[in-house]
N, C-alpha and C. Protein backbone atom coordinates (compact mmCIF):
# COMPACT_ATOMS: atom_id res chain seq x y z
N UNK A 1 9.63 74.16 -34.64
CA UNK A 1 9.13 72.83 -34.50
C UNK A 1 9.25 71.84 -32.99
N UNK A 2 7.87 71.37 -32.85
CA UNK A 2 7.81 70.88 -31.29
C UNK A 2 8.71 69.53 -31.36
N UNK A 3 9.33 69.82 -29.96
CA UNK A 3 10.32 68.46 -29.39
C UNK A 3 9.29 67.40 -29.85
N UNK A 4 9.59 65.97 -30.42
CA UNK A 4 9.52 64.79 -30.71
C UNK A 4 9.85 63.95 -29.62
N UNK A 5 9.23 63.76 -28.91
CA UNK A 5 9.48 62.54 -28.06
C UNK A 5 9.33 61.01 -28.30
N UNK A 6 10.43 60.20 -28.67
CA UNK A 6 10.01 58.97 -29.10
C UNK A 6 9.90 58.05 -27.91
N UNK A 7 8.43 57.68 -27.52
CA UNK A 7 8.71 56.55 -26.45
C UNK A 7 8.50 55.17 -26.82
N UNK A 8 9.36 54.33 -26.31
CA UNK A 8 9.38 52.90 -26.52
C UNK A 8 8.27 52.11 -25.89
N UNK A 9 7.63 51.59 -26.73
CA UNK A 9 6.37 50.70 -26.06
C UNK A 9 6.84 49.78 -25.14
N UNK A 10 6.23 49.46 -24.16
CA UNK A 10 6.68 48.63 -22.96
C UNK A 10 5.70 47.31 -23.35
N UNK A 11 6.42 46.34 -23.70
CA UNK A 11 5.44 44.74 -23.79
C UNK A 11 5.65 44.23 -22.44
N UNK A 12 4.65 43.99 -22.07
CA UNK A 12 3.95 42.93 -21.06
C UNK A 12 3.65 41.51 -21.34
N UNK A 13 4.89 40.56 -20.52
CA UNK A 13 4.36 39.25 -20.85
C UNK A 13 5.89 38.55 -20.57
N UNK A 14 5.73 37.37 -20.77
CA UNK A 14 6.96 36.62 -20.68
C UNK A 14 7.87 36.45 -22.00
N UNK A 15 9.15 36.14 -21.83
CA UNK A 15 9.58 35.74 -23.32
C UNK A 15 10.12 34.02 -23.32
N UNK A 16 10.10 33.79 -24.34
CA UNK A 16 9.89 32.44 -24.67
C UNK A 16 11.22 31.57 -23.67
N UNK A 17 12.25 32.21 -23.71
CA UNK A 17 13.26 31.64 -22.91
C UNK A 17 12.88 31.51 -21.14
N UNK A 18 12.00 32.61 -20.81
CA UNK A 18 11.39 32.68 -19.16
C UNK A 18 10.46 31.16 -19.33
N UNK A 19 9.95 31.23 -20.18
CA UNK A 19 8.72 30.05 -20.15
C UNK A 19 9.50 28.93 -20.16
N UNK A 20 10.06 28.47 -20.99
CA UNK A 20 11.50 27.64 -21.02
C UNK A 20 12.19 27.30 -19.70
N UNK A 21 12.43 28.14 -19.03
CA UNK A 21 13.27 27.73 -17.94
C UNK A 21 12.28 27.38 -16.80
N UNK A 22 11.22 27.88 -16.80
CA UNK A 22 10.15 27.99 -15.80
C UNK A 22 9.75 26.61 -16.37
N UNK A 23 9.45 26.32 -16.92
CA UNK A 23 8.83 24.54 -17.35
C UNK A 23 10.21 23.53 -17.17
N UNK A 24 11.39 24.04 -17.71
CA UNK A 24 12.25 23.16 -16.98
C UNK A 24 12.55 22.76 -15.67
N UNK A 25 12.32 23.97 -14.83
CA UNK A 25 12.12 23.59 -13.30
C UNK A 25 11.07 23.06 -12.81
N UNK A 26 9.86 23.17 -13.57
CA UNK A 26 8.69 22.38 -13.38
C UNK A 26 8.72 21.22 -13.50
N UNK A 27 9.28 20.64 -14.81
CA UNK A 27 9.75 19.53 -14.87
C UNK A 27 10.84 18.62 -13.96
N UNK A 28 12.21 19.14 -13.29
CA UNK A 28 12.40 18.75 -12.61
C UNK A 28 12.29 18.55 -11.23
N UNK A 29 11.25 19.54 -10.91
CA UNK A 29 10.46 18.91 -9.74
C UNK A 29 9.41 18.11 -9.43
N UNK A 30 8.94 17.90 -10.64
CA UNK A 30 7.80 16.69 -10.73
C UNK A 30 8.50 15.90 -11.12
N UNK A 31 9.65 15.52 -11.38
CA UNK A 31 10.45 14.15 -11.47
C UNK A 31 10.64 13.73 -10.27
N UNK A 32 11.27 14.83 -9.82
CA UNK A 32 12.05 14.24 -8.06
C UNK A 32 10.29 14.02 -7.44
N UNK A 33 9.52 14.77 -7.13
CA UNK A 33 8.08 14.75 -6.19
C UNK A 33 7.25 13.50 -6.60
N UNK A 34 7.31 13.39 -7.58
CA UNK A 34 6.25 12.02 -8.36
C UNK A 34 6.83 10.55 -7.64
N UNK A 35 8.27 10.41 -8.06
CA UNK A 35 8.14 8.96 -7.14
C UNK A 35 8.21 8.88 -5.62
N UNK A 36 8.60 10.18 -4.96
CA UNK A 36 8.48 9.96 -3.50
C UNK A 36 6.93 9.71 -3.09
N UNK A 37 6.26 10.59 -4.01
CA UNK A 37 4.20 10.85 -3.81
C UNK A 37 4.05 9.48 -3.76
N UNK A 38 4.03 8.97 -5.26
CA UNK A 38 3.92 7.23 -5.44
C UNK A 38 4.17 6.54 -4.41
N UNK A 39 5.44 6.07 -3.79
CA UNK A 39 5.97 5.62 -2.61
C UNK A 39 4.97 6.05 -1.04
N UNK A 40 4.78 7.21 -0.98
CA UNK A 40 3.68 7.24 -0.09
C UNK A 40 2.53 6.90 -0.28
N UNK A 41 1.68 6.93 -1.09
CA UNK A 41 0.41 6.32 -1.39
C UNK A 41 0.84 4.73 -1.36
N UNK A 42 1.70 4.02 -1.63
CA UNK A 42 1.63 2.71 -1.33
C UNK A 42 2.35 2.42 -0.32
N UNK A 43 2.74 3.17 0.74
CA UNK A 43 2.91 3.12 1.98
C UNK A 43 2.10 3.30 3.05
N UNK A 44 0.85 3.94 2.66
CA UNK A 44 -0.29 4.34 3.09
C UNK A 44 -1.50 3.54 3.02
N UNK A 45 -0.97 2.56 1.94
CA UNK A 45 -1.91 1.06 1.88
C UNK A 45 -1.96 -0.01 2.66
N UNK A 46 -0.62 -0.51 3.06
CA UNK A 46 -0.10 -1.43 3.91
C UNK A 46 -0.75 -1.32 5.30
N UNK A 47 -0.65 -0.47 6.08
CA UNK A 47 -1.60 -0.78 7.21
C UNK A 47 -2.89 -0.77 7.35
N UNK A 48 -3.58 -0.30 6.47
CA UNK A 48 -5.14 -1.13 6.78
C UNK A 48 -5.27 -2.40 6.55
N UNK A 49 -4.16 -2.96 5.82
CA UNK A 49 -4.27 -4.40 5.12
C UNK A 49 -4.02 -5.00 6.84
N UNK A 50 -3.02 -4.84 7.38
CA UNK A 50 -2.45 -5.38 8.65
C UNK A 50 -3.14 -5.13 9.87
N UNK A 51 -4.31 -3.93 9.39
CA UNK A 51 -5.11 -3.97 10.92
C UNK A 51 -6.18 -5.09 10.43
N UNK A 52 -6.73 -5.54 8.80
CA UNK A 52 -7.84 -6.17 9.02
C UNK A 52 -7.01 -7.82 9.00
N UNK A 53 -6.09 -7.87 8.85
CA UNK A 53 -5.11 -9.22 9.00
C UNK A 53 -5.52 -9.62 10.60
N UNK A 54 -4.77 -8.57 11.29
CA UNK A 54 -4.68 -8.97 12.70
C UNK A 54 -6.30 -8.91 13.33
N UNK A 55 -7.36 -7.93 12.82
CA UNK A 55 -8.61 -7.77 13.07
C UNK A 55 -9.46 -9.69 12.76
N UNK A 56 -8.49 -10.05 11.64
CA UNK A 56 -9.05 -11.59 11.28
C UNK A 56 -8.69 -12.45 11.98
N UNK A 57 -7.39 -12.20 13.02
CA UNK A 57 -6.81 -13.36 13.45
C UNK A 57 -7.15 -13.62 15.04
N UNK A 58 -7.93 -11.99 15.40
CA UNK A 58 -8.66 -12.48 16.43
C UNK A 58 -10.01 -12.64 16.39
N UNK A 59 -10.78 -12.34 15.23
CA UNK A 59 -12.26 -13.13 15.18
C UNK A 59 -11.80 -14.87 15.22
N UNK A 60 -10.75 -15.06 14.61
CA UNK A 60 -10.50 -16.69 14.47
C UNK A 60 -10.35 -16.85 15.74
N UNK A 61 -9.43 -16.33 16.79
CA UNK A 61 -9.46 -16.81 18.05
C UNK A 61 -10.52 -16.90 19.14
N UNK A 62 -11.22 -15.94 18.63
CA UNK A 62 -12.89 -15.92 19.51
C UNK A 62 -13.16 -17.26 18.85
N UNK A 63 -13.34 -17.61 17.61
CA UNK A 63 -14.18 -18.46 17.27
C UNK A 63 -13.52 -20.02 17.91
N UNK A 64 -12.25 -19.94 17.74
CA UNK A 64 -11.43 -20.98 18.71
C UNK A 64 -12.24 -21.13 20.12
N UNK A 65 -11.78 -20.15 20.66
CA UNK A 65 -12.43 -20.50 22.06
C UNK A 65 -14.22 -20.66 22.11
N UNK A 66 -14.93 -20.40 21.27
CA UNK A 66 -16.13 -20.91 21.32
C UNK A 66 -16.29 -22.62 20.79
N UNK A 67 -15.60 -22.81 19.86
CA UNK A 67 -15.50 -24.31 19.31
C UNK A 67 -14.29 -25.10 19.19
N UNK A 68 -13.49 -24.64 20.11
CA UNK A 68 -12.37 -25.74 20.30
C UNK A 68 -11.42 -26.08 18.75
N UNK A 69 -11.75 -25.36 17.86
CA UNK A 69 -10.99 -25.30 16.86
C UNK A 69 -11.13 -24.45 15.65
N UNK A 70 -10.59 -23.94 14.72
CA UNK A 70 -10.26 -22.89 13.94
C UNK A 70 -11.42 -22.88 12.85
N UNK A 71 -11.91 -24.40 12.83
CA UNK A 71 -13.20 -24.35 11.66
C UNK A 71 -12.99 -25.86 11.14
N UNK A 72 -13.46 -26.77 10.25
CA UNK A 72 -13.71 -27.52 9.90
C UNK A 72 -14.14 -27.00 8.29
N UNK A 73 -13.44 -27.58 7.38
CA UNK A 73 -13.49 -27.01 5.91
C UNK A 73 -13.37 -25.68 5.58
N UNK A 74 -13.21 -24.96 6.50
CA UNK A 74 -12.47 -23.55 5.85
C UNK A 74 -12.30 -23.15 7.69
N UNK A 75 -11.46 -22.01 7.60
CA UNK A 75 -11.11 -20.64 8.19
C UNK A 75 -12.83 -20.20 9.10
N UNK A 76 -12.88 -20.44 10.45
CA UNK A 76 -14.32 -19.97 11.25
C UNK A 76 -15.39 -20.61 10.36
N UNK A 77 -15.20 -21.62 9.48
CA UNK A 77 -16.30 -21.93 9.03
C UNK A 77 -17.31 -21.30 8.65
N UNK A 78 -17.02 -20.41 7.40
CA UNK A 78 -17.98 -20.27 6.96
C UNK A 78 -17.56 -18.24 7.34
N UNK A 79 -17.00 -18.21 8.40
CA UNK A 79 -16.94 -16.66 8.58
C UNK A 79 -16.06 -15.90 7.33
N UNK A 80 -16.41 -14.80 7.17
CA UNK A 80 -16.07 -14.06 5.89
C UNK A 80 -14.94 -13.18 6.30
N UNK A 81 -14.27 -13.21 5.70
CA UNK A 81 -12.74 -12.18 6.14
C UNK A 81 -12.85 -10.96 5.88
N UNK A 82 -12.44 -10.00 6.71
CA UNK A 82 -12.82 -8.64 6.43
C UNK A 82 -11.89 -8.53 5.23
N UNK A 83 -12.32 -6.81 4.66
CA UNK A 83 -11.44 -6.77 3.41
C UNK A 83 -10.71 -5.08 4.09
N UNK A 84 -9.68 -5.23 2.95
CA UNK A 84 -8.88 -4.37 3.07
C UNK A 84 -8.34 -3.60 1.61
N UNK A 85 -8.58 -2.29 1.04
CA UNK A 85 -8.54 -1.65 -0.05
C UNK A 85 -7.00 -2.40 -0.56
N UNK A 86 -7.62 -2.52 -2.22
CA UNK A 86 -6.05 -3.00 -2.80
C UNK A 86 -5.51 -4.51 -2.12
N UNK A 87 -5.63 -5.27 -0.97
CA UNK A 87 -5.42 -6.18 -0.59
C UNK A 87 -6.54 -7.34 -0.28
N UNK A 88 -6.34 -8.34 -0.91
CA UNK A 88 -7.12 -9.57 -0.87
C UNK A 88 -6.98 -10.69 0.50
N UNK A 89 -8.10 -10.76 1.84
CA UNK A 89 -7.32 -11.65 2.85
C UNK A 89 -7.54 -12.93 2.41
N UNK A 90 -7.09 -13.90 2.88
CA UNK A 90 -7.51 -15.43 2.90
C UNK A 90 -6.80 -16.23 4.07
N UNK A 91 -7.36 -17.90 3.83
CA UNK A 91 -7.19 -18.01 5.42
C UNK A 91 -6.86 -19.43 4.97
N UNK A 92 -5.90 -20.35 5.86
CA UNK A 92 -6.29 -21.88 5.48
C UNK A 92 -5.84 -22.45 6.94
N UNK A 93 -6.68 -23.63 7.06
CA UNK A 93 -6.48 -24.30 8.33
C UNK A 93 -5.26 -25.40 8.25
N UNK A 94 -4.66 -25.05 9.40
CA UNK A 94 -3.47 -26.07 9.89
C UNK A 94 -3.53 -27.14 10.89
N UNK A 95 -2.79 -28.08 10.63
CA UNK A 95 -3.14 -29.14 12.20
C UNK A 95 -4.22 -29.67 12.44
N UNK A 96 -5.01 -30.13 11.35
CA UNK A 96 -6.18 -30.75 11.35
C UNK A 96 -7.33 -29.29 12.26
N UNK A 97 -7.26 -27.90 11.58
CA UNK A 97 -8.44 -27.42 12.20
C UNK A 97 -7.69 -26.77 13.71
N UNK A 98 -6.52 -27.10 13.99
CA UNK A 98 -5.96 -26.61 15.10
C UNK A 98 -5.27 -25.66 14.97
N UNK A 99 -4.73 -24.82 13.97
CA UNK A 99 -4.08 -23.78 13.45
C UNK A 99 -4.27 -23.15 11.81
N UNK A 100 -4.16 -22.19 12.21
CA UNK A 100 -4.49 -21.24 10.62
C UNK A 100 -3.06 -20.61 10.03
N UNK A 101 -3.51 -20.10 9.36
CA UNK A 101 -2.30 -19.08 8.47
C UNK A 101 -3.51 -18.16 7.83
N UNK A 102 -3.79 -17.26 8.00
CA UNK A 102 -4.16 -15.77 7.40
C UNK A 102 -3.38 -15.11 6.49
N UNK A 103 -3.69 -14.68 5.21
CA UNK A 103 -3.10 -13.95 4.32
C UNK A 103 -3.16 -12.55 3.60
N UNK A 104 -2.46 -11.65 3.79
CA UNK A 104 -3.11 -10.60 3.08
C UNK A 104 -1.93 -10.32 1.73
N UNK A 105 -2.77 -10.59 0.79
CA UNK A 105 -1.78 -10.55 -0.19
C UNK A 105 -2.22 -9.11 -1.36
N UNK A 106 -1.29 -8.13 -1.90
CA UNK A 106 -1.35 -6.90 -2.64
C UNK A 106 -2.31 -7.69 -4.02
N UNK A 107 -3.12 -6.56 -4.17
CA UNK A 107 -3.66 -7.17 -5.82
C UNK A 107 -3.39 -7.22 -7.10
N UNK A 108 -3.08 -7.85 -8.06
CA UNK A 108 -2.28 -7.61 -9.08
C UNK A 108 -2.78 -6.33 -9.51
N UNK A 109 -1.82 -5.94 -10.77
CA UNK A 109 -2.09 -4.55 -11.08
C UNK A 109 -2.55 -3.60 -10.37
N UNK A 110 -2.27 -3.56 -9.07
CA UNK A 110 -2.32 -2.22 -8.23
C UNK A 110 -0.99 -2.12 -7.65
N UNK A 111 -0.92 -0.66 -6.83
CA UNK A 111 0.09 -0.25 -6.24
C UNK A 111 0.63 -1.11 -5.36
N UNK A 112 -0.16 -1.79 -4.86
CA UNK A 112 0.63 -3.17 -3.44
C UNK A 112 0.89 -4.35 -4.65
N UNK A 113 0.79 -4.32 -5.62
CA UNK A 113 1.03 -5.84 -5.91
C UNK A 113 2.56 -6.54 -5.93
N UNK A 114 2.62 -7.42 -5.25
CA UNK A 114 4.08 -7.62 -4.49
C UNK A 114 4.18 -7.81 -3.12
N UNK A 115 3.05 -7.28 -2.72
CA UNK A 115 3.33 -7.37 -1.17
C UNK A 115 2.27 -8.66 -0.39
N UNK A 116 3.15 -9.55 0.75
CA UNK A 116 2.07 -10.30 1.21
C UNK A 116 2.59 -10.62 2.81
N UNK A 117 1.51 -10.65 3.61
CA UNK A 117 2.10 -10.88 4.99
C UNK A 117 1.00 -11.99 5.35
N UNK A 118 1.55 -12.66 6.29
CA UNK A 118 0.95 -13.41 7.01
C UNK A 118 0.63 -13.39 8.73
N UNK A 119 -0.50 -14.29 9.30
CA UNK A 119 -0.17 -14.50 10.83
C UNK A 119 -0.57 -15.78 10.72
N UNK A 120 -0.58 -16.46 12.26
CA UNK A 120 -0.89 -17.75 11.96
C UNK A 120 -1.51 -18.04 13.48
N UNK A 121 -1.59 -18.97 13.75
CA UNK A 121 -2.56 -19.31 15.05
C UNK A 121 -1.76 -19.24 16.70
N UNK A 122 -0.53 -19.07 16.55
CA UNK A 122 0.22 -18.59 17.51
C UNK A 122 1.08 -17.09 17.55
N UNK A 123 0.23 -16.43 16.44
CA UNK A 123 0.35 -15.05 16.52
C UNK A 123 1.34 -14.69 15.82
N UNK A 124 2.34 -15.32 15.07
CA UNK A 124 3.70 -14.90 14.09
C UNK A 124 3.25 -14.58 12.82
N UNK A 125 4.04 -13.58 13.07
CA UNK A 125 3.81 -12.73 12.08
C UNK A 125 4.56 -12.41 10.84
N UNK A 126 4.26 -12.66 9.43
CA UNK A 126 5.77 -12.95 8.85
C UNK A 126 5.24 -11.89 7.40
N UNK A 127 6.39 -11.39 6.77
CA UNK A 127 6.43 -10.46 5.37
C UNK A 127 6.85 -11.89 4.50
N UNK A 128 6.20 -12.10 3.84
CA UNK A 128 6.28 -12.98 2.75
C UNK A 128 6.78 -12.93 1.39
N UNK A 129 6.14 -11.28 0.92
CA UNK A 129 6.59 -10.75 -0.24
C UNK A 129 6.84 -9.43 0.22
N UNK A 130 7.64 -8.66 -0.62
CA UNK A 130 7.75 -7.40 -0.27
C UNK A 130 8.78 -6.77 -1.53
N UNK A 131 8.47 -5.67 -2.36
CA UNK A 131 9.22 -5.14 -3.34
C UNK A 131 10.43 -4.93 -3.21
N UNK A 132 10.55 -4.77 -1.96
CA UNK A 132 12.28 -3.42 -1.61
C UNK A 132 12.66 -4.36 -0.86
N UNK A 133 12.48 -5.67 -0.05
CA UNK A 133 12.93 -5.95 0.76
C UNK A 133 13.83 -7.12 0.52
N UNK A 134 14.84 -7.64 0.86
CA UNK A 134 15.45 -9.20 0.90
C UNK A 134 15.03 -9.74 2.10
N UNK A 135 15.96 -10.99 1.87
CA UNK A 135 15.87 -12.17 3.14
C UNK A 135 14.33 -12.60 3.10
N UNK A 136 13.64 -12.69 2.37
CA UNK A 136 12.27 -12.92 2.95
C UNK A 136 12.16 -14.33 3.00
N UNK A 137 11.23 -14.96 3.82
CA UNK A 137 10.55 -14.30 4.43
C UNK A 137 10.91 -13.63 5.79
N UNK A 138 10.26 -12.75 6.10
CA UNK A 138 10.92 -12.16 7.46
C UNK A 138 9.79 -12.53 8.81
N UNK A 139 10.40 -12.34 9.93
CA UNK A 139 9.44 -13.08 10.98
C UNK A 139 9.01 -11.46 11.60
N UNK A 140 8.38 -10.73 10.62
CA UNK A 140 7.77 -9.50 11.14
C UNK A 140 7.07 -8.67 9.78
N UNK A 141 6.38 -7.62 10.21
CA UNK A 141 5.37 -7.12 9.06
C UNK A 141 6.46 -5.65 9.11
N UNK A 142 6.76 -5.87 7.24
CA UNK A 142 7.36 -4.34 6.91
C UNK A 142 6.80 -3.60 6.21
């Protein structure tokens, strides 16, 4: 009688337990990485707004040199404010057109909602609203 060898079939693939462990590790890594990434994206949107605000203040200073005031009825008398993604830039005249206050405010419903920065005609920079800051307004941009 010929000897019969019984070969066990080898299955390839993953068991349910292995898949569940891999998913648990993936969920843990995603849970830790996602808030950090979101915070990074939020922080990356602030510098362009501050740059636009500085540019706006520089243009207003040039307007002042040419006209002897920052405007009449509006900052720069019709000068359009620069744009910054997810921020709204605005300006108001102070001291009868001899001063200004330019503001960059994070758009509501966006990642930068709750952020607000200002610069005035004297070059004073302030953080007037920041979701993670206390002791506002601060005399710097954070």
